[in-house]
Protein backbone atom coordinates (compact mmCIF):
# COMPACT_ATOMS: atom_id res chain seq x y z
CA MET A 1 39.29 141.23 -20.21
CA ARG A 2 37.23 139.49 -17.54
CA ALA A 3 38.81 136.15 -18.43
CA LEU A 4 42.31 137.56 -17.95
CA SER A 5 41.43 138.86 -14.48
CA ASN A 6 40.11 135.47 -13.48
CA VAL A 7 43.35 133.80 -14.57
CA VAL A 8 45.44 136.24 -12.54
CA VAL A 9 43.33 135.66 -9.40
CA LEU A 10 43.54 131.88 -9.82
CA SER A 11 47.31 132.01 -10.23
CA SER A 12 47.62 134.09 -7.06
CA LEU A 13 45.57 131.56 -5.13
CA LEU A 14 47.70 128.67 -6.40
CA LEU A 15 50.92 130.42 -5.39
CA ALA A 16 49.57 131.14 -1.89
CA ALA A 17 48.49 127.50 -1.47
CA ALA A 18 51.93 126.27 -2.58
CA ALA A 19 53.63 128.58 -0.11
CA MET A 20 51.48 127.32 2.77
CA ALA A 21 52.14 123.67 1.84
CA GLY A 22 55.93 124.23 1.86
CA SER A 23 55.95 125.75 5.39
CA ASP A 24 54.06 122.71 6.77
CA THR A 25 56.67 120.15 5.46
CA LYS A 26 59.79 121.80 7.07
CA THR A 27 61.82 119.60 9.52
CA PRO A 28 61.17 120.56 13.10
CA ALA A 29 64.10 121.95 15.16
CA PRO A 30 65.93 119.34 17.26
CA MET A 31 65.19 119.21 20.97
CA PRO A 32 67.89 120.48 23.34
CA GLY A 33 70.40 117.74 24.22
CA ALA A 34 69.38 115.50 21.31
CA GLY A 35 72.01 115.79 18.60
CA SER A 36 72.94 113.68 15.62
CA GLY A 37 76.10 111.62 15.22
CA SER A 38 78.22 109.50 17.56
CA SER A 39 79.29 112.38 19.81
CA ALA A 40 75.73 113.52 20.46
CA GLY A 41 74.53 109.96 21.02
CA SER A 42 77.28 109.19 23.55
CA ALA A 43 76.66 112.43 25.41
CA ALA A 44 72.94 111.77 25.69
CA ALA A 45 73.24 108.09 26.62
CA PRO A 46 72.39 107.44 30.30
CA ALA A 47 75.10 105.98 32.63
CA PRO A 48 74.90 102.18 33.01
CA ALA A 49 73.60 100.88 36.32
CA PRO A 50 76.17 99.17 38.61
CA ALA A 51 76.40 95.43 38.18
CA THR A 52 74.70 93.38 40.89
CA GLY A 53 75.84 89.93 39.95
CA SER A 54 77.30 87.18 42.19
CA GLY A 55 80.77 87.13 40.61
CA SER A 56 84.10 88.11 42.20
CA ASP A 57 83.62 91.79 41.16
CA ALA A 58 80.36 91.95 43.08
CA ALA A 59 81.58 89.98 46.18
CA ILE A 60 80.90 91.58 49.55
CA ASP A 61 83.72 92.03 52.06
CA PRO A 62 82.75 90.06 55.22
CA ALA A 63 84.59 92.55 57.39
CA SER A 64 82.27 95.34 56.25
CA VAL A 65 79.12 93.43 57.23
CA LYS A 66 77.66 94.34 60.59
CA PRO A 67 77.23 91.45 63.07
CA GLU A 68 73.49 92.01 63.28
CA ASP A 69 73.24 91.61 59.48
CA MET A 70 75.04 88.25 59.45
CA PRO A 71 73.22 84.91 59.42
CA THR A 72 72.84 83.30 62.84
CA ALA A 73 75.10 80.38 61.93
CA VAL A 74 77.94 82.71 60.89
CA ARG A 75 77.63 84.80 64.05
CA MET A 76 77.68 81.69 66.27
CA ARG A 77 80.76 80.38 64.45
CA ARG A 78 82.62 83.65 64.99
CA ILE A 79 81.70 83.73 68.68
CA GLU A 80 82.90 80.13 69.05
CA GLN A 81 86.24 80.95 67.42
CA ARG A 82 86.79 83.97 69.67
CA THR A 83 85.87 81.96 72.76
CA GLN A 84 88.34 79.22 71.84
CA ALA A 85 91.09 81.80 71.28
CA LEU A 86 90.42 83.32 74.72
CA LYS A 87 90.55 79.87 76.34
CA GLU A 88 93.91 79.09 74.74
CA ARG A 89 95.25 82.44 75.91
CA ALA A 90 94.05 81.75 79.44
CA TRP A 91 95.71 78.31 79.42
CA GLN A 92 99.01 79.84 78.30
CA LEU A 93 98.88 82.46 81.05
CA LYS A 94 98.05 79.81 83.65
CA ALA A 95 101.00 77.65 82.55
CA ARG A 96 103.29 80.67 82.67
CA VAL A 97 102.15 81.56 86.19
CA GLN A 98 102.65 77.95 87.32
CA THR A 99 106.18 77.91 85.86
CA LEU A 100 107.08 81.13 87.63
CA LYS A 101 105.66 79.77 90.87
CA GLU A 102 107.70 76.57 90.60
CA GLN A 103 110.87 78.53 89.96
CA MET A 104 110.52 80.38 93.26
CA LEU A 105 111.87 78.63 96.31
CA GLY A 106 111.42 79.59 99.92
CA GLY A 107 108.68 81.61 101.51
CA GLY A 108 106.28 78.66 101.23
CA VAL A 109 106.08 78.94 97.44
CA GLY A 110 107.20 76.28 94.97
CA ALA A 111 109.11 73.01 95.36
CA GLN A 112 112.31 71.50 94.01
CA ALA A 113 113.62 68.02 93.25
CA LEU A 114 117.15 66.62 93.23
CA ILE A 115 117.42 63.17 91.62
CA SER A 116 120.70 61.26 91.38
CA HIS A 117 121.86 57.75 90.46
CA GLU A 118 124.80 55.77 91.84
CA ASN A 119 126.26 52.86 89.88
CA GLU A 120 127.28 50.24 92.46
CA MET A 121 127.27 47.22 90.15
CA GLY A 122 130.20 44.82 90.18
CA SER A 123 132.72 44.28 87.40
CA SER A 124 130.57 41.53 85.86
CA PHE A 125 127.95 44.11 84.82
CA HIS A 126 128.79 46.95 82.42
CA LEU A 127 126.14 49.65 82.22
CA VAL A 128 125.12 50.25 78.58
CA LYS A 129 121.85 52.18 78.97
CA LEU A 130 120.19 54.24 81.70
CA THR A 131 116.85 56.06 81.41
CA TYR A 132 114.69 57.95 83.91
CA THR A 133 111.07 59.03 83.42
CA LEU A 134 109.24 61.51 85.66
CA ASP A 135 105.43 61.54 85.45
CA GLY A 136 105.53 59.94 82.02
CA THR A 137 108.15 62.33 80.57
CA GLN A 138 111.69 61.14 79.93
CA ILE A 139 114.13 63.38 81.82
CA PHE A 140 117.38 61.42 81.40
CA ALA A 141 118.83 58.97 78.84
CA ARG A 142 122.38 57.70 78.33
CA THR A 143 123.42 54.92 75.95
CA ASP A 144 126.75 53.15 75.33
CA ASP A 145 126.31 50.22 72.98
CA SER A 146 129.97 49.27 73.21
CA GLY A 147 129.78 48.92 76.99
CA GLU A 148 133.26 50.38 77.40
CA ASN A 149 132.65 53.90 78.79
CA LEU A 150 129.32 54.39 80.52
CA PHE A 151 129.97 51.87 83.28
CA LYS A 152 133.03 53.88 84.36
CA THR A 153 130.76 56.72 85.53
CA LYS A 154 129.82 55.99 89.12
CA SER A 155 127.47 58.94 89.74
CA PHE A 156 124.81 60.57 87.55
CA ASP A 157 122.89 63.81 88.13
CA ILE A 158 119.48 62.84 86.79
CA PHE A 159 117.40 65.96 87.49
CA THR A 160 117.81 69.22 89.38
CA GLY A 161 115.17 71.92 89.21
CA PRO A 162 111.70 73.16 90.17
CA ILE A 163 108.80 70.77 90.32
CA SER A 164 105.12 71.22 91.05
CA PRO A 165 104.04 70.34 94.60
CA GLY A 166 102.15 67.08 94.91
CA ASN A 167 102.56 63.38 94.13
CA HIS A 168 105.04 62.25 91.48
CA GLN A 169 106.08 58.95 89.94
CA LEU A 170 109.68 58.20 88.99
CA ALA A 171 110.49 55.22 86.76
CA MET A 172 114.01 54.04 85.94
CA VAL A 173 115.47 51.35 83.68
CA ALA A 174 119.10 50.22 83.67
CA THR A 175 120.50 47.81 81.10
CA TYR A 176 123.77 45.97 81.67
CA LYS A 177 125.99 43.87 79.46
CA GLY A 178 127.68 40.86 81.00
CA HIS A 179 131.46 40.95 81.32
CA GLY A 180 133.81 38.14 82.28
CA TYR A 181 137.18 36.50 81.73
CA GLY A 182 138.25 32.93 81.26
CA VAL A 183 135.51 30.50 82.18
CA PHE A 184 133.15 33.45 82.73
CA GLU A 185 133.63 34.88 79.26
CA TYR A 186 130.20 33.55 78.30
CA LEU A 187 128.67 36.45 80.27
CA SER A 188 129.50 38.79 77.35
CA LYS A 189 126.68 37.16 75.40
CA PHE A 190 123.99 38.22 77.90
CA THR A 191 122.29 41.48 78.82
CA PHE A 192 120.52 42.16 82.12
CA THR A 193 117.81 44.73 82.85
CA ALA A 194 116.80 46.28 86.15
CA ARG A 195 113.56 48.24 86.55
CA ASN A 196 111.94 50.07 89.39
CA THR A 197 109.23 52.67 90.09
CA SER A 198 109.33 55.09 93.01
CA GLN A 199 106.63 57.36 94.37
CA PHE A 200 107.37 60.60 96.19
CA THR A 201 105.52 63.72 97.29
CA SER A 202 107.01 67.18 96.92
CA THR A 203 106.08 69.88 99.40
CA GLU A 204 105.96 73.61 98.87
CA GLY A 205 109.02 75.38 100.16
CA LYS A 206 111.07 72.15 100.41
CA ILE A 207 113.49 70.10 98.33
CA SER A 208 112.66 66.46 97.55
CA ARG A 209 115.94 64.56 97.36
CA VAL A 210 115.70 61.22 95.54
CA ASP A 211 118.85 59.08 95.74
CA CYS A 212 118.75 55.98 93.54
CA ARG A 213 121.36 53.28 93.09
CA GLY A 214 121.95 50.26 90.89
CA PHE A 215 123.34 47.33 92.83
CA GLU A 216 123.66 43.55 92.90
CA LYS A 217 121.15 41.91 95.18
CA GLY A 218 121.45 38.44 96.65
CA GLY A 219 124.66 36.50 97.01
CA ALA A 220 126.86 33.99 95.25
CA ALA A 221 123.96 31.55 95.01
CA THR A 222 121.67 34.11 93.29
CA PRO A 223 121.41 33.56 89.51
CA MET A 224 123.08 36.26 87.40
CA GLU A 225 119.81 37.27 85.69
CA LYS A 226 118.27 38.11 89.09
CA ARG A 227 121.08 40.14 90.59
CA ALA A 228 120.64 43.51 88.84
CA ALA A 229 118.39 45.79 90.89
CA ILE A 230 117.59 49.48 91.53
CA ASP A 231 116.18 51.11 94.62
CA CYS A 232 115.56 54.73 95.65
CA LYS A 233 115.48 56.68 98.90
CA VAL A 234 113.44 59.87 99.22
CA THR A 235 114.10 62.59 101.79
CA ASP A 236 112.74 66.14 102.16
CA VAL A 237 115.13 68.91 103.10
CA ALA A 238 114.57 72.61 103.66
CA PRO A 239 116.21 75.03 101.23
CA ASP A 240 119.19 76.98 102.41
CA LYS A 241 118.24 80.36 103.81
CA PRO A 242 120.21 83.36 102.55
CA GLY A 243 122.77 84.72 105.02
CA THR A 244 122.14 87.93 106.90
CA ALA A 245 123.53 90.86 104.96
CA PRO A 246 125.92 93.19 106.82
CA ALA A 247 124.60 96.56 107.90
CA PRO A 248 125.03 99.16 105.16
CA THR A 249 127.59 101.89 105.70
CA THR A 250 127.81 105.35 104.20
CA PRO A 251 130.56 105.60 101.55
CA GLY A 252 133.64 107.38 102.85
CA THR A 253 132.97 106.62 106.50
CA THR A 254 134.55 104.00 108.74
CA PRO A 255 132.34 102.02 111.08
CA MET A 256 132.93 102.98 114.69
CA PRO A 257 134.38 100.15 116.81
CA ALA A 258 132.38 98.91 119.69
CA ALA A 259 133.12 100.68 122.95
CA ALA A 260 135.29 98.71 125.37
CA PRO A 261 133.58 97.74 128.57
CA THR A 262 134.53 99.95 131.52
CA THR A 263 136.04 98.38 134.62
CA PRO A 264 134.21 99.37 137.77
CA PRO A 265 136.44 101.14 140.33
CA ALA A 266 137.82 99.02 143.09
CA ALA A 267 136.13 99.35 146.44
CA GLY A 268 137.75 101.73 148.87
CA LYS A 269 139.40 103.99 146.27
């Protein structure tokens, strides 16, 4: 009887020990936010940090960089570019003001030039080319290689317009083709060139008139190659003043005629 009681007690102890061992081996509950599977893993994964590489995706916009954060060399380059742009703008404005000033005549502002050419060469010289250059810039050019038309023009308007006050240099070149009949037909094989340079000074508020002419210098004894010549005459004239405008009248009214002079009474009446 005692042995049976001992067996029952021992069995109870073994069952209690087995129960305690089973509670210790249970899987612990998952922590909040930590799940299993792909959905839980993606939800718990931290966001990737922004890339900080040197590629095109990570390039910095230069316009967003403050000037004080730029390297000294870059800042100096930008200042130099802006300064150059301002200088070019100032030059353009200065040229525009000078052009407007030259276009105004009278009132002591601006000057003007009138340049003409007269062809006074004889029939043995046919003009085939005429060029004029003012201060290094070509202002007139006519060419007639055939020598059949240009020489018929006896007067040329070379230049008419505003010019800056001061000293100017006018250079002209005239080329002629020889022309002859009979025993002088050999002249058609030769060309003759006349050159000249003229200096003139334009004055504000005045017109510089430059009259040039191509002529034959010398006489019958002068060789043909030395006869062609050009000379110029410079004169300064004042611009025409505008006429006096008539006195304005009120529309619908007729100007009153001037009163006739009264005759003084004769003495003794």
